[in-house]
Amino acid sequence: MLVIYDSTIQSGSILSFLRKRFSTVVPVHGGDEKEWISNYLNVRTEWLANNTNPLLHGTVYRTKCLQIQIQNNNWDIIQPIKANGVLIP
């Protein structure tokens, strides 16, 4: 839910052109939620980091923070998060 929330407050929604950049089936249609979220974050990180709008480059910390949570198996956000240098207990 945090990934969806972050996309919504930053971009207004999950951008459809980003969804088209990976083939994982959407969870509502039987796809694996963790796989979809991981692939979406990878695509979104790449898009933000290489966007023609340089202001977006500075926002990559958001998706990288979420990717770290996945690496740490912190799917339910039980462990504290360090986001942009700020510890969130």
PDB file of N, CA and C in Angstrom:
ATOM      1  N   MET A   1       0.821  -1.194   0.000  1.00  0.00           N
ATOM      2  CA  MET A   1       0.000   0.000   0.000  1.00  0.00           C
ATOM      3  C   MET A   1       0.864   1.256   0.000  1.00  0.00           C
ATOM      4  N   LEU A   2       2.009   1.182   0.652  1.00  0.00           N
ATOM      5  CA  LEU A   2       2.890   2.352   0.695  1.00  0.00           C
ATOM      6  C   LEU A   2       3.417   2.705  -0.696  1.00  0.00           C
ATOM      7  N   VAL A   3       3.676   1.721  -1.519  1.00  0.00           N
ATOM      8  CA  VAL A   3       4.152   1.974  -2.884  1.00  0.00           C
ATOM      9  C   VAL A   3       3.060   2.674  -3.689  1.00  0.00           C
ATOM     10  N   ILE A   4       1.843   2.207  -3.559  1.00  0.00           N
ATOM     11  CA  ILE A   4       0.719   2.818  -4.272  1.00  0.00           C
ATOM     12  C   ILE A   4       0.500   4.246  -3.774  1.00  0.00           C
ATOM     13  N   TYR A   5       0.545   4.409  -2.461  1.00  0.00           N
ATOM     14  CA  TYR A   5       0.379   5.742  -1.869  1.00  0.00           C
ATOM     15  C   TYR A   5       1.448   6.702  -2.381  1.00  0.00           C
ATOM     16  N   ASP A   6       2.706   6.261  -2.351  1.00  0.00           N
ATOM     17  CA  ASP A   6       3.795   7.127  -2.782  1.00  0.00           C
ATOM     18  C   ASP A   6       3.633   7.526  -4.251  1.00  0.00           C
ATOM     19  N   SER A   7       3.261   6.583  -5.089  1.00  0.00           N
ATOM     20  CA  SER A   7       3.041   6.893  -6.507  1.00  0.00           C
ATOM     21  C   SER A   7       1.905   7.888  -6.687  1.00  0.00           C
ATOM     22  N   THR A   8       0.883   7.730  -5.880  1.00  0.00           N
ATOM     23  CA  THR A   8      -0.288   8.591  -5.993  1.00  0.00           C
ATOM     24  C   THR A   8       0.021  10.017  -5.554  1.00  0.00           C
ATOM     25  N   ILE A   9       0.731  10.182  -4.438  1.00  0.00           N
ATOM     26  CA  ILE A   9       1.007  11.544  -3.985  1.00  0.00           C
ATOM     27  C   ILE A   9       2.071  12.225  -4.839  1.00  0.00           C
ATOM     28  N   GLN A  10       2.957  11.444  -5.468  1.00  0.00           N
ATOM     29  CA  GLN A  10       3.985  12.063  -6.300  1.00  0.00           C
ATOM     30  C   GLN A  10       3.512  12.281  -7.740  1.00  0.00           C
ATOM     31  N   SER A  11       2.805  11.291  -8.293  1.00  0.00           N
ATOM     32  CA  SER A  11       2.454  11.340  -9.721  1.00  0.00           C
ATOM     33  C   SER A  11       0.959  11.412  -9.991  1.00  0.00           C
ATOM     34  N   GLY A  12       0.154  11.325  -8.952  1.00  0.00           N
ATOM     35  CA  GLY A  12      -1.293  11.373  -9.125  1.00  0.00           C
ATOM     36  C   GLY A  12      -1.930  10.011  -9.296  1.00  0.00           C
ATOM     37  N   SER A  13      -1.123   8.996  -9.642  1.00  0.00           N
ATOM     38  CA  SER A  13      -1.629   7.631  -9.828  1.00  0.00           C
ATOM     39  C   SER A  13      -0.455   6.720 -10.162  1.00  0.00           C
ATOM     40  N   ILE A  14      -0.769   5.451 -10.383  1.00  0.00           N
ATOM     41  CA  ILE A  14       0.196   4.538 -10.978  1.00  0.00           C
ATOM     42  C   ILE A  14       0.140   4.849 -12.478  1.00  0.00           C
ATOM     43  N   LEU A  15       1.199   5.368 -13.022  1.00  0.00           N
ATOM     44  CA  LEU A  15       1.195   5.811 -14.409  1.00  0.00           C
ATOM     45  C   LEU A  15       1.141   4.612 -15.360  1.00  0.00           C
ATOM     46  N   SER A  16       0.188   4.642 -16.268  1.00  0.00           N
ATOM     47  CA  SER A  16      -0.055   3.498 -17.145  1.00  0.00           C
ATOM     48  C   SER A  16       1.147   3.179 -18.033  1.00  0.00           C
ATOM     49  N   PHE A  17       1.888   4.186 -18.472  1.00  0.00           N
ATOM     50  CA  PHE A  17       3.032   3.894 -19.334  1.00  0.00           C
ATOM     51  C   PHE A  17       4.134   3.159 -18.572  1.00  0.00           C
ATOM     52  N   LEU A  18       4.194   3.336 -17.247  1.00  0.00           N
ATOM     53  CA  LEU A  18       5.149   2.573 -16.439  1.00  0.00           C
ATOM     54  C   LEU A  18       4.685   1.126 -16.303  1.00  0.00           C
ATOM     55  N   ARG A  19       3.398   0.919 -16.137  1.00  0.00           N
ATOM     56  CA  ARG A  19       2.853  -0.438 -16.029  1.00  0.00           C
ATOM     57  C   ARG A  19       3.143  -1.245 -17.284  1.00  0.00           C
ATOM     58  N   LYS A  20       3.188  -0.593 -18.411  1.00  0.00           N
ATOM     59  CA  LYS A  20       3.412  -1.283 -19.685  1.00  0.00           C
ATOM     60  C   LYS A  20       4.871  -1.682 -19.881  1.00  0.00           C
ATOM     61  N   ARG A  21       5.758  -1.226 -19.020  1.00  0.00           N
ATOM     62  CA  ARG A  21       7.190  -1.510 -19.170  1.00  0.00           C
ATOM     63  C   ARG A  21       7.613  -2.841 -18.546  1.00  0.00           C
ATOM     64  N   PHE A  22       6.681  -3.551 -17.931  1.00  0.00           N
ATOM     65  CA  PHE A  22       6.989  -4.890 -17.404  1.00  0.00           C
ATOM     66  C   PHE A  22       5.749  -5.758 -17.573  1.00  0.00           C
ATOM     67  N   SER A  23       5.959  -7.051 -17.659  1.00  0.00           N
ATOM     68  CA  SER A  23       4.874  -7.955 -18.040  1.00  0.00           C
ATOM     69  C   SER A  23       4.186  -8.663 -16.878  1.00  0.00           C
ATOM     70  N   THR A  24       4.589  -8.391 -15.672  1.00  0.00           N
ATOM     71  CA  THR A  24       3.982  -9.068 -14.524  1.00  0.00           C
ATOM     72  C   THR A  24       2.488  -8.772 -14.462  1.00  0.00           C
ATOM     73  N   VAL A  25       1.712  -9.818 -14.260  1.00  0.00           N
ATOM     74  CA  VAL A  25       0.257  -9.683 -14.185  1.00  0.00           C
ATOM     75  C   VAL A  25      -0.116  -8.922 -12.913  1.00  0.00           C
ATOM     76  N   VAL A  26      -1.052  -8.008 -13.036  1.00  0.00           N
ATOM     77  CA  VAL A  26      -1.534  -7.226 -11.896  1.00  0.00           C
ATOM     78  C   VAL A  26      -2.150  -8.191 -10.864  1.00  0.00           C
ATOM     79  N   PRO A  27      -1.877  -7.998  -9.581  1.00  0.00           N
ATOM     80  CA  PRO A  27      -2.401  -8.907  -8.557  1.00  0.00           C
ATOM     81  C   PRO A  27      -3.913  -9.119  -8.618  1.00  0.00           C
ATOM     82  N   VAL A  28      -4.672  -8.102  -8.935  1.00  0.00           N
ATOM     83  CA  VAL A  28      -6.125  -8.244  -8.991  1.00  0.00           C
ATOM     84  C   VAL A  28      -6.545  -9.260 -10.061  1.00  0.00           C
ATOM     85  N   HIS A  29      -5.649  -9.519 -11.023  1.00  0.00           N
ATOM     86  CA  HIS A  29      -5.930 -10.489 -12.086  1.00  0.00           C
ATOM     87  C   HIS A  29      -5.149 -11.778 -11.883  1.00  0.00           C
ATOM     88  N   GLY A  30      -4.700 -12.033 -10.649  1.00  0.00           N
ATOM     89  CA  GLY A  30      -4.030 -13.293 -10.323  1.00  0.00           C
ATOM     90  C   GLY A  30      -2.526 -13.241 -10.262  1.00  0.00           C
ATOM     91  N   GLY A  31      -1.939 -12.097 -10.506  1.00  0.00           N
ATOM     92  CA  GLY A  31      -0.481 -11.973 -10.439  1.00  0.00           C
ATOM     93  C   GLY A  31       0.020 -11.961  -9.001  1.00  0.00           C
ATOM     94  N   ASP A  32       1.302 -12.189  -8.854  1.00  0.00           N
ATOM     95  CA  ASP A  32       1.937 -12.195  -7.534  1.00  0.00           C
ATOM     96  C   ASP A  32       2.194 -10.755  -7.088  1.00  0.00           C
ATOM     97  N   GLU A  33       1.637 -10.378  -5.957  1.00  0.00           N
ATOM     98  CA  GLU A  33       1.725  -8.994  -5.482  1.00  0.00           C
ATOM     99  C   GLU A  33       3.164  -8.545  -5.265  1.00  0.00           C
ATOM    100  N   LYS A  34       3.962  -9.378  -4.621  1.00  0.00           N
ATOM    101  CA  LYS A  34       5.346  -8.991  -4.337  1.00  0.00           C
ATOM    102  C   LYS A  34       6.158  -8.850  -5.618  1.00  0.00           C
ATOM    103  N   GLU A  35       5.939  -9.734  -6.562  1.00  0.00           N
ATOM    104  CA  GLU A  35       6.641  -9.648  -7.834  1.00  0.00           C
ATOM    105  C   GLU A  35       6.231  -8.375  -8.586  1.00  0.00           C
ATOM    106  N   TRP A  36       4.932  -8.084  -8.593  1.00  0.00           N
ATOM    107  CA  TRP A  36       4.449  -6.899  -9.296  1.00  0.00           C
ATOM    108  C   TRP A  36       5.019  -5.624  -8.672  1.00  0.00           C
ATOM    109  N   ILE A  37       4.964  -5.530  -7.361  1.00  0.00           N
ATOM    110  CA  ILE A  37       5.481  -4.344  -6.657  1.00  0.00           C
ATOM    111  C   ILE A  37       6.979  -4.181  -6.926  1.00  0.00           C
ATOM    112  N   SER A  38       7.731  -5.271  -6.853  1.00  0.00           N
ATOM    113  CA  SER A  38       9.174  -5.206  -7.101  1.00  0.00           C
ATOM    114  C   SER A  38       9.468  -4.720  -8.516  1.00  0.00           C
ATOM    115  N   ASN A  39       8.778  -5.283  -9.484  1.00  0.00           N
ATOM    116  CA  ASN A  39       8.997  -4.874 -10.874  1.00  0.00           C
ATOM    117  C   ASN A  39       8.560  -3.433 -11.111  1.00  0.00           C
ATOM    118  N   TYR A  40       7.449  -3.052 -10.534  1.00  0.00           N
ATOM    119  CA  TYR A  40       6.980  -1.671 -10.668  1.00  0.00           C
ATOM    120  C   TYR A  40       7.996  -0.696 -10.074  1.00  0.00           C
ATOM    121  N   LEU A  41       8.515  -1.003  -8.887  1.00  0.00           N
ATOM    122  CA  LEU A  41       9.500  -0.115  -8.258  1.00  0.00           C
ATOM    123  C   LEU A  41      10.768  -0.007  -9.105  1.00  0.00           C
ATOM    124  N   ASN A  42      11.193  -1.106  -9.703  1.00  0.00           N
ATOM    125  CA  ASN A  42      12.378  -1.061 -10.563  1.00  0.00           C
ATOM    126  C   ASN A  42      12.152  -0.126 -11.747  1.00  0.00           C
ATOM    127  N   VAL A  43      10.997  -0.246 -12.379  1.00  0.00           N
ATOM    128  CA  VAL A  43      10.668   0.592 -13.532  1.00  0.00           C
ATOM    129  C   VAL A  43      10.516   2.049 -13.110  1.00  0.00           C
ATOM    130  N   ARG A  44       9.869   2.272 -11.996  1.00  0.00           N
ATOM    131  CA  ARG A  44       9.657   3.649 -11.527  1.00  0.00           C
ATOM    132  C   ARG A  44      10.979   4.303 -11.141  1.00  0.00           C
ATOM    133  N   THR A  45      11.858   3.552 -10.493  1.00  0.00           N
ATOM    134  CA  THR A  45      13.175   4.072 -10.119  1.00  0.00           C
ATOM    135  C   THR A  45      13.960   4.481 -11.361  1.00  0.00           C
ATOM    136  N   GLU A  46      13.960   3.610 -12.359  1.00  0.00           N
ATOM    137  CA  GLU A  46      14.658   3.896 -13.618  1.00  0.00           C
ATOM    138  C   GLU A  46      14.084   5.149 -14.282  1.00  0.00           C
ATOM    139  N   TRP A  47      12.766   5.258 -14.298  1.00  0.00           N
ATOM    140  CA  TRP A  47      12.109   6.409 -14.919  1.00  0.00           C
ATOM    141  C   TRP A  47      12.456   7.708 -14.183  1.00  0.00           C
ATOM    142  N   LEU A  48      12.395   7.690 -12.866  1.00  0.00           N
ATOM    143  CA  LEU A  48      12.710   8.890 -12.092  1.00  0.00           C
ATOM    144  C   LEU A  48      14.178   9.290 -12.267  1.00  0.00           C
ATOM    145  N   ALA A  49      15.064   8.313 -12.220  1.00  0.00           N
ATOM    146  CA  ALA A  49      16.503   8.588 -12.291  1.00  0.00           C
ATOM    147  C   ALA A  49      16.932   9.135 -13.651  1.00  0.00           C
ATOM    148  N   ASN A  50      16.226   8.767 -14.697  1.00  0.00           N
ATOM    149  CA  ASN A  50      16.634   9.148 -16.048  1.00  0.00           C
ATOM    150  C   ASN A  50      15.644  10.075 -16.739  1.00  0.00           C
ATOM    151  N   ASN A  51      14.745  10.652 -15.994  1.00  0.00           N
ATOM    152  CA  ASN A  51      13.726  11.514 -16.569  1.00  0.00           C
ATOM    153  C   ASN A  51      14.342  12.777 -17.155  1.00  0.00           C
ATOM    154  N   THR A  52      13.714  13.307 -18.186  1.00  0.00           N
ATOM    155  CA  THR A  52      14.206  14.557 -18.783  1.00  0.00           C
ATOM    156  C   THR A  52      14.017  15.751 -17.854  1.00  0.00           C
ATOM    157  N   ASN A  53      13.145  15.596 -16.871  1.00  0.00           N
ATOM    158  CA  ASN A  53      12.950  16.636 -15.859  1.00  0.00           C
ATOM    159  C   ASN A  53      13.923  16.362 -14.705  1.00  0.00           C
ATOM    160  N   PRO A  54      14.991  17.139 -14.599  1.00  0.00           N
ATOM    161  CA  PRO A  54      15.998  16.875 -13.561  1.00  0.00           C
ATOM    162  C   PRO A  54      15.467  16.978 -12.138  1.00  0.00           C
ATOM    163  N   LEU A  55      14.355  17.647 -11.925  1.00  0.00           N
ATOM    164  CA  LEU A  55      13.778  17.721 -10.582  1.00  0.00           C
ATOM    165  C   LEU A  55      13.380  16.337 -10.067  1.00  0.00           C
ATOM    166  N   LEU A  56      12.994  15.446 -10.972  1.00  0.00           N
ATOM    167  CA  LEU A  56      12.596  14.099 -10.559  1.00  0.00           C
ATOM    168  C   LEU A  56      13.774  13.248 -10.112  1.00  0.00           C
ATOM    169  N   HIS A  57      14.963  13.553 -10.576  1.00  0.00           N
ATOM    170  CA  HIS A  57      16.142  12.774 -10.195  1.00  0.00           C
ATOM    171  C   HIS A  57      16.321  12.757  -8.679  1.00  0.00           C
ATOM    172  N   GLY A  58      16.051  13.876  -8.053  1.00  0.00           N
ATOM    173  CA  GLY A  58      16.210  13.989  -6.606  1.00  0.00           C
ATOM    174  C   GLY A  58      15.167  13.234  -5.803  1.00  0.00           C
ATOM    175  N   THR A  59      14.169  12.679  -6.474  1.00  0.00           N
ATOM    176  CA  THR A  59      13.126  11.948  -5.754  1.00  0.00           C
ATOM    177  C   THR A  59      13.340  10.432  -5.763  1.00  0.00           C
ATOM    178  N   VAL A  60      14.418   9.993  -6.383  1.00  0.00           N
ATOM    179  CA  VAL A  60      14.698   8.555  -6.469  1.00  0.00           C
ATOM    180  C   VAL A  60      14.892   7.937  -5.084  1.00  0.00           C
ATOM    181  N   TYR A  61      15.278   8.731  -4.109  1.00  0.00           N
ATOM    182  CA  TYR A  61      15.449   8.200  -2.756  1.00  0.00           C
ATOM    183  C   TYR A  61      14.163   7.523  -2.264  1.00  0.00           C
ATOM    184  N   ARG A  62      13.030   7.973  -2.749  1.00  0.00           N
ATOM    185  CA  ARG A  62      11.746   7.415  -2.309  1.00  0.00           C
ATOM    186  C   ARG A  62      11.613   5.954  -2.729  1.00  0.00           C
ATOM    187  N   THR A  63      11.843   5.709  -4.019  1.00  0.00           N
ATOM    188  CA  THR A  63      11.707   4.334  -4.505  1.00  0.00           C
ATOM    189  C   THR A  63      12.844   3.458  -3.997  1.00  0.00           C
ATOM    190  N   LYS A  64      14.024   4.031  -3.872  1.00  0.00           N
ATOM    191  CA  LYS A  64      15.144   3.244  -3.342  1.00  0.00           C
ATOM    192  C   LYS A  64      14.872   2.827  -1.897  1.00  0.00           C
ATOM    193  N   CYS A  65      14.280   3.700  -1.128  1.00  0.00           N
ATOM    194  CA  CYS A  65      13.911   3.360   0.251  1.00  0.00           C
ATOM    195  C   CYS A  65      12.935   2.183   0.268  1.00  0.00           C
ATOM    196  N   LEU A  66      11.962   2.226  -0.624  1.00  0.00           N
ATOM    197  CA  LEU A  66      10.985   1.132  -0.694  1.00  0.00           C
ATOM    198  C   LEU A  66      11.634  -0.162  -1.181  1.00  0.00           C
ATOM    199  N   GLN A  67      12.588  -0.054  -2.092  1.00  0.00           N
ATOM    200  CA  GLN A  67      13.307  -1.239  -2.558  1.00  0.00           C
ATOM    201  C   GLN A  67      14.119  -1.866  -1.425  1.00  0.00           C
ATOM    202  N   ILE A  68      14.689  -1.045  -0.577  1.00  0.00           N
ATOM    203  CA  ILE A  68      15.428  -1.558   0.583  1.00  0.00           C
ATOM    204  C   ILE A  68      14.491  -2.316   1.512  1.00  0.00           C
ATOM    205  N   GLN A  69      13.271  -1.836   1.671  1.00  0.00           N
ATOM    206  CA  GLN A  69      12.305  -2.540   2.517  1.00  0.00           C
ATOM    207  C   GLN A  69      12.016  -3.930   1.952  1.00  0.00           C
ATOM    208  N   ILE A  70      11.943  -4.028   0.641  1.00  0.00           N
ATOM    209  CA  ILE A  70      11.732  -5.329  -0.003  1.00  0.00           C
ATOM    210  C   ILE A  70      12.942  -6.223   0.236  1.00  0.00           C
ATOM    211  N   GLN A  71      14.143  -5.683   0.052  1.00  0.00           N
ATOM    212  CA  GLN A  71      15.366  -6.460   0.282  1.00  0.00           C
ATOM    213  C   GLN A  71      15.435  -6.969   1.717  1.00  0.00           C
ATOM    214  N   ASN A  72      14.936  -6.163   2.651  1.00  0.00           N
ATOM    215  CA  ASN A  72      14.941  -6.533   4.073  1.00  0.00           C
ATOM    216  C   ASN A  72      13.716  -7.355   4.467  1.00  0.00           C
ATOM    217  N   ASN A  73      12.910  -7.721   3.476  1.00  0.00           N
ATOM    218  CA  ASN A  73      11.674  -8.477   3.713  1.00  0.00           C
ATOM    219  C   ASN A  73      10.762  -7.757   4.711  1.00  0.00           C
ATOM    220  N   ASN A  74      10.739  -6.449   4.627  1.00  0.00           N
ATOM    221  CA  ASN A  74       9.931  -5.617   5.520  1.00  0.00           C
ATOM    222  C   ASN A  74       8.630  -5.217   4.814  1.00  0.00           C
ATOM    223  N   TRP A  75       7.950  -6.208   4.252  1.00  0.00           N
ATOM    224  CA  TRP A  75       6.734  -5.970   3.472  1.00  0.00           C
ATOM    225  C   TRP A  75       5.625  -5.337   4.295  1.00  0.00           C
ATOM    226  N   ASP A  76       5.550  -5.674   5.561  1.00  0.00           N
ATOM    227  CA  ASP A  76       4.490  -5.136   6.422  1.00  0.00           C
ATOM    228  C   ASP A  76       4.937  -3.900   7.196  1.00  0.00           C
ATOM    229  N   ILE A  77       6.103  -3.385   6.872  1.00  0.00           N
ATOM    230  CA  ILE A  77       6.668  -2.187   7.506  1.00  0.00           C
ATOM    231  C   ILE A  77       6.626  -2.321   9.039  1.00  0.00           C
ATOM    232  N   ILE A  78       7.136  -3.448   9.496  1.00  0.00           N
ATOM    233  CA  ILE A  78       7.223  -3.688  10.937  1.00  0.00           C
ATOM    234  C   ILE A  78       8.534  -3.130  11.486  1.00  0.00           C
ATOM    235  N   GLN A  79       9.599  -3.256  10.698  1.00  0.00           N
ATOM    236  CA  GLN A  79      10.897  -2.733  11.092  1.00  0.00           C
ATOM    237  C   GLN A  79      10.954  -1.231  10.817  1.00  0.00           C
ATOM    238  N   PRO A  80      11.756  -0.494  11.564  1.00  0.00           N
ATOM    239  CA  PRO A  80      11.904   0.939  11.293  1.00  0.00           C
ATOM    240  C   PRO A  80      12.442   1.185   9.880  1.00  0.00           C
ATOM    241  N   ILE A  81      12.126   2.337   9.334  1.00  0.00           N
ATOM    242  CA  ILE A  81      12.564   2.726   7.996  1.00  0.00           C
ATOM    243  C   ILE A  81      13.417   3.973   8.126  1.00  0.00           C
ATOM    244  N   LYS A  82      14.512   3.996   7.367  1.00  0.00           N
ATOM    245  CA  LYS A  82      15.310   5.217   7.274  1.00  0.00           C
ATOM    246  C   LYS A  82      15.071   5.790   5.876  1.00  0.00           C
ATOM    247  N   ALA A  83      14.350   6.894   5.812  1.00  0.00           N
ATOM    248  CA  ALA A  83      13.983   7.511   4.541  1.00  0.00           C
ATOM    249  C   ALA A  83      14.656   8.874   4.416  1.00  0.00           C
ATOM    250  N   ASN A  84      15.498   9.013   3.433  1.00  0.00           N
ATOM    251  CA  ASN A  84      16.189  10.265   3.175  1.00  0.00           C
ATOM    252  C   ASN A  84      16.917  10.776   4.415  1.00  0.00           C
ATOM    253  N   GLY A  85      17.525   9.841   5.155  1.00  0.00           N
ATOM    254  CA  GLY A  85      18.291  10.172   6.337  1.00  0.00           C
ATOM    255  C   GLY A  85      17.483  10.308   7.619  1.00  0.00           C
ATOM    256  N   VAL A  86      16.176  10.153   7.538  1.00  0.00           N
ATOM    257  CA  VAL A  86      15.312  10.290   8.714  1.00  0.00           C
ATOM    258  C   VAL A  86      14.814   8.911   9.138  1.00  0.00           C
ATOM    259  N   LEU A  87      15.066   8.564  10.387  1.00  0.00           N
ATOM    260  CA  LEU A  87      14.619   7.283  10.924  1.00  0.00           C
ATOM    261  C   LEU A  87      13.146   7.378  11.319  1.00  0.00           C
ATOM    262  N   ILE A  88      12.355   6.474  10.780  1.00  0.00           N
ATOM    263  CA  ILE A  88      10.929   6.401  11.096  1.00  0.00           C
ATOM    264  C   ILE A  88      10.712   5.116  11.875  1.00  0.00           C
ATOM    265  N   PRO A  89      10.532   5.228  13.191  1.00  0.00           N
ATOM    266  CA  PRO A  89      10.422   4.005  14.016  1.00  0.00           C
ATOM    267  C   PRO A  89       9.122   3.234  13.783  1.00  0.00           C
TER     268      PRO A  89
END
